[in-house]
Amino acid sequence: LSIEGIVFTMYDGRTNLSSQVVENVKANVDVRVYDTVIPRNIRL
């Protein structure tokens, strides 16, 4: 078993918080973080 990776969901590019969370996780975990982020989206 391995860790496939982390994918960020409900990303809101208008807030500093979303990008801070991404950077925080990248700095604290030693696993793959997917480049693709899933945005907050009404249709979803």
All heavy atoms as atom14 arrays in JSON, in Angstrom:
{
  "sequence": "LSIEGIVFTMYDGRTNLSSQVVENVKANVDVRVYDTVIPRNIRL",
  "atom14_mask": [
    [1, 1, 1, 1, 1, 1, 1, 1, 0, 0, 0, 0, 0, 0],
    [1, 1, 1, 1, 1, 1, 0, 0, 0, 0, 0, 0, 0, 0],
    [1, 1, 1, 1, 1, 1, 1, 1, 0, 0, 0, 0, 0, 0],
    [1, 1, 1, 1, 1, 1, 1, 1, 1, 0, 0, 0, 0, 0],
    [1, 1, 1, 1, 0, 0, 0, 0, 0, 0, 0, 0, 0, 0],
    [1, 1, 1, 1, 1, 1, 1, 1, 0, 0, 0, 0, 0, 0],
    [1, 1, 1, 1, 1, 1, 1, 0, 0, 0, 0, 0, 0, 0],
    [1, 1, 1, 1, 1, 1, 1, 1, 1, 1, 1, 0, 0, 0],
    [1, 1, 1, 1, 1, 1, 1, 0, 0, 0, 0, 0, 0, 0],
    [1, 1, 1, 1, 1, 1, 1, 1, 0, 0, 0, 0, 0, 0],
    [1, 1, 1, 1, 1, 1, 1, 1, 1, 1, 1, 1, 0, 0],
    [1, 1, 1, 1, 1, 1, 1, 1, 0, 0, 0, 0, 0, 0],
    [1, 1, 1, 1, 0, 0, 0, 0, 0, 0, 0, 0, 0, 0],
    [1, 1, 1, 1, 1, 1, 1, 1, 1, 1, 1, 0, 0, 0],
    [1, 1, 1, 1, 1, 1, 1, 0, 0, 0, 0, 0, 0, 0],
    [1, 1, 1, 1, 1, 1, 1, 1, 0, 0, 0, 0, 0, 0],
    [1, 1, 1, 1, 1, 1, 1, 1, 0, 0, 0, 0, 0, 0],
    [1, 1, 1, 1, 1, 1, 0, 0, 0, 0, 0, 0, 0, 0],
    [1, 1, 1, 1, 1, 1, 0, 0, 0, 0, 0, 0, 0, 0],
    [1, 1, 1, 1, 1, 1, 1, 1, 1, 0, 0, 0, 0, 0],
    [1, 1, 1, 1, 1, 1, 1, 0, 0, 0, 0, 0, 0, 0],
    [1, 1, 1, 1, 1, 1, 1, 0, 0, 0, 0, 0, 0, 0],
    [1, 1, 1, 1, 1, 1, 1, 1, 1, 0, 0, 0, 0, 0],
    [1, 1, 1, 1, 1, 1, 1, 1, 0, 0, 0, 0, 0, 0],
    [1, 1, 1, 1, 1, 1, 1, 0, 0, 0, 0, 0, 0, 0],
    [1, 1, 1, 1, 1, 1, 1, 1, 1, 0, 0, 0, 0, 0],
    [1, 1, 1, 1, 1, 0, 0, 0, 0, 0, 0, 0, 0, 0],
    [1, 1, 1, 1, 1, 1, 1, 1, 0, 0, 0, 0, 0, 0],
    [1, 1, 1, 1, 1, 1, 1, 0, 0, 0, 0, 0, 0, 0],
    [1, 1, 1, 1, 1, 1, 1, 1, 0, 0, 0, 0, 0, 0],
    [1, 1, 1, 1, 1, 1, 1, 0, 0, 0, 0, 0, 0, 0],
    [1, 1, 1, 1, 1, 1, 1, 1, 1, 1, 1, 0, 0, 0],
    [1, 1, 1, 1, 1, 1, 1, 0, 0, 0, 0, 0, 0, 0],
    [1, 1, 1, 1, 1, 1, 1, 1, 1, 1, 1, 1, 0, 0],
    [1, 1, 1, 1, 1, 1, 1, 1, 0, 0, 0, 0, 0, 0],
    [1, 1, 1, 1, 1, 1, 1, 0, 0, 0, 0, 0, 0, 0],
    [1, 1, 1, 1, 1, 1, 1, 0, 0, 0, 0, 0, 0, 0],
    [1, 1, 1, 1, 1, 1, 1, 1, 0, 0, 0, 0, 0, 0],
    [1, 1, 1, 1, 1, 1, 1, 0, 0, 0, 0, 0, 0, 0],
    [1, 1, 1, 1, 1, 1, 1, 1, 1, 1, 1, 0, 0, 0],
    [1, 1, 1, 1, 1, 1, 1, 1, 0, 0, 0, 0, 0, 0],
    [1, 1, 1, 1, 1, 1, 1, 1, 0, 0, 0, 0, 0, 0],
    [1, 1, 1, 1, 1, 1, 1, 1, 1, 1, 1, 0, 0, 0],
    [1, 1, 1, 1, 1, 1, 1, 1, 0, 0, 0, 0, 0, 0]
  ],
  "atom14_positions": [
    [[0.83, -1.21, 0.0], [0.0, 0.0, 0.0], [0.87, 1.26, 0.0], [1.85, 1.34, 0.73], [-0.91, 0.0, 1.24], [-1.94, 1.14, 1.32], [-2.98, 1.01, 0.23], [-2.61, 1.16, 2.7], [0.0, 0.0, 0.0], [0.0, 0.0, 0.0], [0.0, 0.0, 0.0], [0.0, 0.0, 0.0], [0.0, 0.0, 0.0], [0.0, 0.0, 0.0]],
    [[0.49, 2.24, -0.81], [1.21, 3.51, -0.83], [0.19, 4.65, -0.82], [-1.01, 4.42, -0.96], [2.09, 3.61, -2.08], [1.28, 3.62, -3.24], [0.0, 0.0, 0.0], [0.0, 0.0, 0.0], [0.0, 0.0, 0.0], [0.0, 0.0, 0.0], [0.0, 0.0, 0.0], [0.0, 0.0, 0.0], [0.0, 0.0, 0.0], [0.0, 0.0, 0.0]],
    [[0.69, 5.86, -0.66], [-0.2, 7.02, -0.74], [-0.15, 7.56, -2.16], [0.91, 7.96, -2.64], [0.19, 8.09, 0.3], [0.02, 7.53, 1.72], [-0.67, 9.35, 0.12], [0.5, 8.44, 2.81], [0.0, 0.0, 0.0], [0.0, 0.0, 0.0], [0.0, 0.0, 0.0], [0.0, 0.0, 0.0], [0.0, 0.0, 0.0], [0.0, 0.0, 0.0]],
    [[-1.28, 7.49, -2.84], [-1.39, 7.98, -4.22], [-1.09, 9.48, -4.25], [-0.4, 9.96, -5.14], [-2.81, 7.71, -4.74], [-3.06, 8.14, -6.15], [-2.35, 7.25, -7.16], [-2.13, 6.06, -6.87], [-2.01, 7.76, -8.23], [0.0, 0.0, 0.0], [0.0, 0.0, 0.0], [0.0, 0.0, 0.0], [0.0, 0.0, 0.0], [0.0, 0.0, 0.0]],
    [[-1.63, 10.18, -3.27], [-1.39, 11.61, -3.19], [-2.55, 12.33, -2.51], [-3.52, 11.72, -2.08], [0.0, 0.0, 0.0], [0.0, 0.0, 0.0], [0.0, 0.0, 0.0], [0.0, 0.0, 0.0], [0.0, 0.0, 0.0], [0.0, 0.0, 0.0], [0.0, 0.0, 0.0], [0.0, 0.0, 0.0], [0.0, 0.0, 0.0], [0.0, 0.0, 0.0]],
    [[-2.39, 13.64, -2.4], [-3.39, 14.5, -1.79], [-3.98, 15.39, -2.89], [-3.24, 15.92, -3.72], [-2.76, 15.36, -0.68], [-2.39, 14.49, 0.52], [-3.68, 16.5, -0.26], [-1.55, 15.18, 1.56], [0.0, 0.0, 0.0], [0.0, 0.0, 0.0], [0.0, 0.0, 0.0], [0.0, 0.0, 0.0], [0.0, 0.0, 0.0], [0.0, 0.0, 0.0]],
    [[-5.3, 15.52, -2.89], [-5.94, 16.43, -3.84], [-6.77, 17.45, -3.04], [-7.52, 17.07, -2.15], [-6.81, 15.68, -4.88], [-7.9, 14.85, -4.23], [-7.42, 16.66, -5.87], [0.0, 0.0, 0.0], [0.0, 0.0, 0.0], [0.0, 0.0, 0.0], [0.0, 0.0, 0.0], [0.0, 0.0, 0.0], [0.0, 0.0, 0.0], [0.0, 0.0, 0.0]],
    [[-6.58, 18.71, -3.35], [-7.31, 19.77, -2.64], [-8.66, 20.0, -3.3], [-8.76, 20.12, -4.52], [-6.5, 21.06, -2.63], [-5.33, 21.0, -1.69], [-4.05, 20.73, -2.17], [-5.5, 21.14, -0.33], [-2.98, 20.65, -1.32], [-4.43, 21.06, 0.54], [-3.16, 20.81, 0.05], [0.0, 0.0, 0.0], [0.0, 0.0, 0.0], [0.0, 0.0, 0.0]],
    [[-9.69, 20.1, -2.46], [-11.05, 20.32, -2.94], [-11.58, 21.63, -2.37], [-11.03, 22.17, -1.4], [-11.98, 19.17, -2.5], [-12.02, 19.13, -1.07], [-11.5, 17.83, -3.03], [0.0, 0.0, 0.0], [0.0, 0.0, 0.0], [0.0, 0.0, 0.0], [0.0, 0.0, 0.0], [0.0, 0.0, 0.0], [0.0, 0.0, 0.0], [0.0, 0.0, 0.0]],
    [[-12.67, 22.11, -2.96], [-13.34, 23.34, -2.5], [-12.37, 24.52, -2.41], [-12.37, 25.29, -1.47], [-14.02, 23.09, -1.14], [-14.99, 21.92, -1.21], [-15.78, 21.56, 0.35], [-16.13, 19.82, 0.14], [0.0, 0.0, 0.0], [0.0, 0.0, 0.0], [0.0, 0.0, 0.0], [0.0, 0.0, 0.0], [0.0, 0.0, 0.0], [0.0, 0.0, 0.0]],
    [[-11.51, 24.61, -3.42], [-10.5, 25.67, -3.48], [-11.15, 26.96, -3.94], [-11.85, 26.99, -4.95], [-9.39, 25.26, -4.45], [-8.23, 26.23, -4.52], [-7.15, 26.1, -3.67], [-8.24, 27.27, -5.45], [-6.08, 27.0, -3.74], [-7.18, 28.16, -5.52], [-6.11, 28.02, -4.67], [-5.05, 28.9, -4.73], [0.0, 0.0, 0.0], [0.0, 0.0, 0.0]],
    [[-10.91, 28.02, -3.2], [-11.45, 29.34, -3.56], [-10.28, 30.28, -3.82], [-9.62, 30.75, -2.89], [-12.33, 29.88, -2.43], [-13.07, 31.15, -2.84], [-12.68, 31.77, -3.85], [-14.04, 31.52, -2.15], [0.0, 0.0, 0.0], [0.0, 0.0, 0.0], [0.0, 0.0, 0.0], [0.0, 0.0, 0.0], [0.0, 0.0, 0.0], [0.0, 0.0, 0.0]],
    [[-10.01, 30.53, -5.09], [-8.86, 31.35, -5.48], [-8.95, 32.79, -5.03], [-7.96, 33.53, -5.07], [0.0, 0.0, 0.0], [0.0, 0.0, 0.0], [0.0, 0.0, 0.0], [0.0, 0.0, 0.0], [0.0, 0.0, 0.0], [0.0, 0.0, 0.0], [0.0, 0.0, 0.0], [0.0, 0.0, 0.0], [0.0, 0.0, 0.0], [0.0, 0.0, 0.0]],
    [[-10.15, 33.23, -4.59], [-10.32, 34.63, -4.17], [-9.82, 34.87, -2.75], [-9.71, 36.01, -2.31], [-11.79, 35.02, -4.26], [-12.38, 34.93, -5.67], [-13.89, 35.02, -5.65], [-14.46, 33.98, -4.78], [-15.75, 33.87, -4.5], [-16.61, 34.74, -5.0], [-16.19, 32.9, -3.72], [0.0, 0.0, 0.0], [0.0, 0.0, 0.0], [0.0, 0.0, 0.0]],
    [[-9.57, 33.79, -2.01], [-9.17, 33.96, -0.61], [-7.7, 33.58, -0.41], [-7.19, 32.69, -1.08], [-10.03, 33.08, 0.32], [-9.72, 31.7, 0.06], [-11.51, 33.31, 0.09], [0.0, 0.0, 0.0], [0.0, 0.0, 0.0], [0.0, 0.0, 0.0], [0.0, 0.0, 0.0], [0.0, 0.0, 0.0], [0.0, 0.0, 0.0], [0.0, 0.0, 0.0]],
    [[-7.07, 34.26, 0.53], [-5.7, 33.9, 0.89], [-5.67, 32.54, 1.58], [-4.69, 31.81, 1.49], [-5.1, 34.95, 1.83], [-4.76, 36.22, 1.09], [-4.5, 36.18, -0.1], [-4.79, 37.34, 1.8], [0.0, 0.0, 0.0], [0.0, 0.0, 0.0], [0.0, 0.0, 0.0], [0.0, 0.0, 0.0], [0.0, 0.0, 0.0], [0.0, 0.0, 0.0]],
    [[-6.78, 32.22, 2.28], [-6.8, 31.01, 3.1], [-6.53, 29.76, 2.26], [-5.72, 28.91, 2.63], [-8.14, 30.87, 3.82], [-8.3, 29.62, 4.69], [-7.27, 29.62, 5.82], [-9.7, 29.52, 5.27], [0.0, 0.0, 0.0], [0.0, 0.0, 0.0], [0.0, 0.0, 0.0], [0.0, 0.0, 0.0], [0.0, 0.0, 0.0], [0.0, 0.0, 0.0]],
    [[-7.19, 29.66, 1.11], [-7.02, 28.46, 0.28], [-5.56, 28.24, -0.1], [-5.03, 27.13, 0.04], [-7.88, 28.56, -0.99], [-9.22, 28.25, -0.7], [0.0, 0.0, 0.0], [0.0, 0.0, 0.0], [0.0, 0.0, 0.0], [0.0, 0.0, 0.0], [0.0, 0.0, 0.0], [0.0, 0.0, 0.0], [0.0, 0.0, 0.0], [0.0, 0.0, 0.0]],
    [[-4.89, 29.3, -0.56], [-3.49, 29.13, -0.96], [-2.59, 28.88, 0.24], [-1.62, 28.13, 0.15], [-3.01, 30.35, -1.76], [-3.26, 31.54, -1.06], [0.0, 0.0, 0.0], [0.0, 0.0, 0.0], [0.0, 0.0, 0.0], [0.0, 0.0, 0.0], [0.0, 0.0, 0.0], [0.0, 0.0, 0.0], [0.0, 0.0, 0.0], [0.0, 0.0, 0.0]],
    [[-2.94, 29.47, 1.4], [-2.16, 29.23, 2.62], [-2.26, 27.77, 3.05], [-1.27, 27.16, 3.46], [-2.64, 30.14, 3.75], [-2.18, 31.58, 3.6], [-2.87, 32.53, 4.58], [-3.71, 32.09, 5.38], [-2.55, 33.8, 4.5], [0.0, 0.0, 0.0], [0.0, 0.0, 0.0], [0.0, 0.0, 0.0], [0.0, 0.0, 0.0], [0.0, 0.0, 0.0]],
    [[-3.48, 27.22, 2.94], [-3.7, 25.82, 3.32], [-2.87, 24.9, 2.43], [-2.2, 23.98, 2.9], [-5.2, 25.44, 3.24], [-5.4, 23.94, 3.35], [-5.99, 26.14, 4.34], [0.0, 0.0, 0.0], [0.0, 0.0, 0.0], [0.0, 0.0, 0.0], [0.0, 0.0, 0.0], [0.0, 0.0, 0.0], [0.0, 0.0, 0.0], [0.0, 0.0, 0.0]],
    [[-2.88, 25.17, 1.13], [-2.11, 24.35, 0.18], [-0.63, 24.4, 0.54], [0.04, 23.35, 0.63], [-2.34, 24.83, -1.27], [-1.38, 24.13, -2.23], [-3.79, 24.58, -1.7], [0.0, 0.0, 0.0], [0.0, 0.0, 0.0], [0.0, 0.0, 0.0], [0.0, 0.0, 0.0], [0.0, 0.0, 0.0], [0.0, 0.0, 0.0], [0.0, 0.0, 0.0]],
    [[-0.11, 25.58, 0.77], [1.32, 25.72, 1.09], [1.64, 25.04, 2.42], [2.69, 24.41, 2.58], [1.71, 27.2, 1.15], [1.67, 27.91, -0.2], [2.38, 27.14, -1.3], [3.52, 26.66, -1.06], [1.81, 26.99, -2.39], [0.0, 0.0, 0.0], [0.0, 0.0, 0.0], [0.0, 0.0, 0.0], [0.0, 0.0, 0.0], [0.0, 0.0, 0.0]],
    [[0.74, 25.16, 3.39], [0.93, 24.57, 4.71], [1.02, 23.05, 4.63], [1.91, 22.43, 5.22], [-0.23, 24.99, 5.63], [0.04, 24.66, 7.08], [1.18, 24.4, 7.47], [-1.0, 24.66, 7.89], [0.0, 0.0, 0.0], [0.0, 0.0, 0.0], [0.0, 0.0, 0.0], [0.0, 0.0, 0.0], [0.0, 0.0, 0.0], [0.0, 0.0, 0.0]],
    [[0.11, 22.46, 3.88], [0.11, 21.0, 3.73], [1.37, 20.55, 2.99], [2.04, 19.6, 3.39], [-1.17, 20.51, 3.02], [-1.06, 19.03, 2.66], [-2.39, 20.74, 3.91], [0.0, 0.0, 0.0], [0.0, 0.0, 0.0], [0.0, 0.0, 0.0], [0.0, 0.0, 0.0], [0.0, 0.0, 0.0], [0.0, 0.0, 0.0], [0.0, 0.0, 0.0]],
    [[1.72, 21.25, 1.9], [2.92, 20.88, 1.14], [4.17, 20.92, 2.02], [5.08, 20.11, 1.86], [3.09, 21.82, -0.05], [2.17, 21.52, -1.22], [2.43, 22.48, -2.38], [1.56, 22.12, -3.57], [1.73, 23.09, -4.68], [0.0, 0.0, 0.0], [0.0, 0.0, 0.0], [0.0, 0.0, 0.0], [0.0, 0.0, 0.0], [0.0, 0.0, 0.0]],
    [[4.19, 21.88, 2.95], [5.37, 22.04, 3.81], [5.42, 20.98, 4.9], [6.49, 20.71, 5.45], [5.34, 23.43, 4.45], [0.0, 0.0, 0.0], [0.0, 0.0, 0.0], [0.0, 0.0, 0.0], [0.0, 0.0, 0.0], [0.0, 0.0, 0.0], [0.0, 0.0, 0.0], [0.0, 0.0, 0.0], [0.0, 0.0, 0.0], [0.0, 0.0, 0.0]],
    [[4.28, 20.37, 5.21], [4.22, 19.48, 6.37], [4.07, 18.0, 6.05], [4.14, 17.16, 6.95], [3.08, 19.9, 7.3], [3.45, 21.13, 8.12], [4.18, 21.04, 9.09], [2.96, 22.28, 7.7], [0.0, 0.0, 0.0], [0.0, 0.0, 0.0], [0.0, 0.0, 0.0], [0.0, 0.0, 0.0], [0.0, 0.0, 0.0], [0.0, 0.0, 0.0]],
    [[3.82, 17.66, 4.79], [3.69, 16.23, 4.45], [4.68, 15.86, 3.36], [5.0, 16.68, 2.49], [2.25, 15.86, 4.0], [1.25, 16.09, 5.11], [1.85, 16.62, 2.75], [0.0, 0.0, 0.0], [0.0, 0.0, 0.0], [0.0, 0.0, 0.0], [0.0, 0.0, 0.0], [0.0, 0.0, 0.0], [0.0, 0.0, 0.0], [0.0, 0.0, 0.0]],
    [[5.14, 14.65, 3.44], [6.16, 14.19, 2.5], [5.55, 13.22, 1.5], [6.04, 12.13, 1.3], [7.3, 13.51, 3.29], [8.49, 13.2, 2.39], [8.63, 13.9, 1.36], [9.24, 12.26, 2.69], [0.0, 0.0, 0.0], [0.0, 0.0, 0.0], [0.0, 0.0, 0.0], [0.0, 0.0, 0.0], [0.0, 0.0, 0.0], [0.0, 0.0, 0.0]],
    [[4.42, 13.61, 0.92], [3.76, 12.78, -0.09], [3.4, 13.65, -1.28], [3.43, 14.89, -1.2], [2.48, 12.09, 0.46], [2.8, 11.16, 1.61], [1.44, 13.12, 0.88], [0.0, 0.0, 0.0], [0.0, 0.0, 0.0], [0.0, 0.0, 0.0], [0.0, 0.0, 0.0], [0.0, 0.0, 0.0], [0.0, 0.0, 0.0], [0.0, 0.0, 0.0]],
    [[3.03, 13.0, -2.37], [2.67, 13.74, -3.59], [1.42, 14.59, -3.34], [0.43, 14.14, -2.78], [2.39, 12.73, -4.7], [1.93, 13.39, -5.99], [1.55, 12.34, -7.03], [1.24, 12.98, -8.3], [0.85, 12.31, -9.38], [0.74, 11.01, -9.34], [0.58, 12.94, -10.49], [0.0, 0.0, 0.0], [0.0, 0.0, 0.0], [0.0, 0.0, 0.0]],
    [[1.49, 15.83, -3.78], [0.31, 16.69, -3.78], [-0.01, 16.99, -5.25], [0.84, 17.5, -5.99], [0.57, 18.0, -3.0], [-0.65, 18.92, -3.1], [0.89, 17.7, -1.54], [0.0, 0.0, 0.0], [0.0, 0.0, 0.0], [0.0, 0.0, 0.0], [0.0, 0.0, 0.0], [0.0, 0.0, 0.0], [0.0, 0.0, 0.0], [0.0, 0.0, 0.0]],
    [[-1.22, 16.66, -5.67], [-1.59, 16.86, -7.07], [-1.61, 18.35, -7.43], [-2.03, 19.18, -6.62], [-2.96, 16.23, -7.36], [-2.88, 14.75, -7.63], [-2.98, 13.82, -6.6], [-2.66, 14.27, -8.92], [-2.88, 12.46, -6.84], [-2.55, 12.92, -9.18], [-2.67, 12.02, -8.14], [-2.55, 10.68, -8.38], [0.0, 0.0, 0.0], [0.0, 0.0, 0.0]],
    [[-1.14, 18.66, -8.62], [-1.15, 20.04, -9.09], [-2.59, 20.53, -9.29], [-2.9, 21.7, -9.06], [-0.4, 20.16, -10.43], [1.1, 19.9, -10.27], [1.63, 20.17, -9.16], [1.73, 19.42, -11.22], [0.0, 0.0, 0.0], [0.0, 0.0, 0.0], [0.0, 0.0, 0.0], [0.0, 0.0, 0.0], [0.0, 0.0, 0.0], [0.0, 0.0, 0.0]],
    [[-3.44, 19.62, -9.74], [-4.84, 19.98, -9.97], [-5.54, 20.26, -8.65], [-5.46, 19.46, -7.72], [-5.58, 18.84, -10.69], [-4.87, 18.5, -11.88], [-7.0, 19.24, -11.05], [0.0, 0.0, 0.0], [0.0, 0.0, 0.0], [0.0, 0.0, 0.0], [0.0, 0.0, 0.0], [0.0, 0.0, 0.0], [0.0, 0.0, 0.0], [0.0, 0.0, 0.0]],
    [[-6.24, 21.38, -8.56], [-7.09, 21.65, -7.39], [-8.53, 21.73, -7.88], [-8.8, 22.16, -8.99], [-6.68, 22.95, -6.66], [-5.32, 22.81, -6.01], [-6.73, 24.14, -7.59], [0.0, 0.0, 0.0], [0.0, 0.0, 0.0], [0.0, 0.0, 0.0], [0.0, 0.0, 0.0], [0.0, 0.0, 0.0], [0.0, 0.0, 0.0], [0.0, 0.0, 0.0]],
    [[-9.44, 21.27, -7.02], [-10.86, 21.25, -7.38], [-11.51, 22.5, -6.79], [-11.49, 22.7, -5.57], [-11.55, 19.99, -6.82], [-10.77, 18.71, -7.2], [-12.99, 19.92, -7.32], [-10.56, 18.47, -8.67], [0.0, 0.0, 0.0], [0.0, 0.0, 0.0], [0.0, 0.0, 0.0], [0.0, 0.0, 0.0], [0.0, 0.0, 0.0], [0.0, 0.0, 0.0]],
    [[-12.07, 23.35, -7.63], [-12.61, 24.62, -7.12], [-13.96, 24.45, -6.42], [-14.64, 23.46, -6.61], [-12.78, 25.45, -8.4], [-13.07, 24.42, -9.45], [-12.26, 23.2, -9.08], [0.0, 0.0, 0.0], [0.0, 0.0, 0.0], [0.0, 0.0, 0.0], [0.0, 0.0, 0.0], [0.0, 0.0, 0.0], [0.0, 0.0, 0.0], [0.0, 0.0, 0.0]],
    [[-14.29, 25.43, -5.6], [-15.68, 25.54, -5.13], [-16.53, 25.82, -6.37], [-16.23, 26.73, -7.14], [-15.84, 26.7, -4.15], [-15.43, 26.36, -2.76], [-15.95, 27.37, -1.77], [-15.51, 27.04, -0.43], [-16.09, 26.14, 0.36], [-17.16, 25.48, -0.07], [-15.61, 25.88, 1.55], [0.0, 0.0, 0.0], [0.0, 0.0, 0.0], [0.0, 0.0, 0.0]],
    [[-17.61, 25.06, -6.54], [-18.35, 25.17, -7.79], [-19.79, 24.75, -7.55], [-20.06, 23.64, -7.09], [-17.66, 24.26, -8.84], [-18.27, 24.38, -10.21], [-19.08, 23.56, -10.6], [-17.87, 25.39, -10.97], [0.0, 0.0, 0.0], [0.0, 0.0, 0.0], [0.0, 0.0, 0.0], [0.0, 0.0, 0.0], [0.0, 0.0, 0.0], [0.0, 0.0, 0.0]],
    [[-20.71, 25.65, -7.84], [-22.14, 25.39, -7.6], [-22.61, 24.16, -8.36], [-23.32, 23.31, -7.85], [-23.0, 26.6, -8.04], [-22.61, 27.86, -7.27], [-24.49, 26.29, -7.86], [-22.96, 27.86, -5.82], [0.0, 0.0, 0.0], [0.0, 0.0, 0.0], [0.0, 0.0, 0.0], [0.0, 0.0, 0.0], [0.0, 0.0, 0.0], [0.0, 0.0, 0.0]],
    [[-22.17, 24.04, -9.62], [-22.61, 22.92, -10.45], [-22.14, 21.58, -9.88], [-22.86, 20.58, -9.93], [-22.07, 23.08, -11.88], [-22.63, 24.32, -12.59], [-24.1, 24.09, -12.97], [-24.66, 25.24, -13.65], [-25.52, 26.09, -13.09], [-25.88, 25.94, -11.83], [-26.02, 27.09, -13.77], [0.0, 0.0, 0.0], [0.0, 0.0, 0.0], [0.0, 0.0, 0.0]],
    [[-20.92, 21.56, -9.32], [-20.42, 20.33, -8.68], [-21.32, 19.92, -7.53], [-21.57, 18.73, -7.32], [-19.0, 20.57, -8.13], [-17.8, 20.18, -8.99], [-16.52, 20.5, -8.24], [-17.84, 18.71, -9.37], [0.0, 0.0, 0.0], [0.0, 0.0, 0.0], [0.0, 0.0, 0.0], [0.0, 0.0, 0.0], [0.0, 0.0, 0.0], [0.0, 0.0, 0.0]]
  ]
}
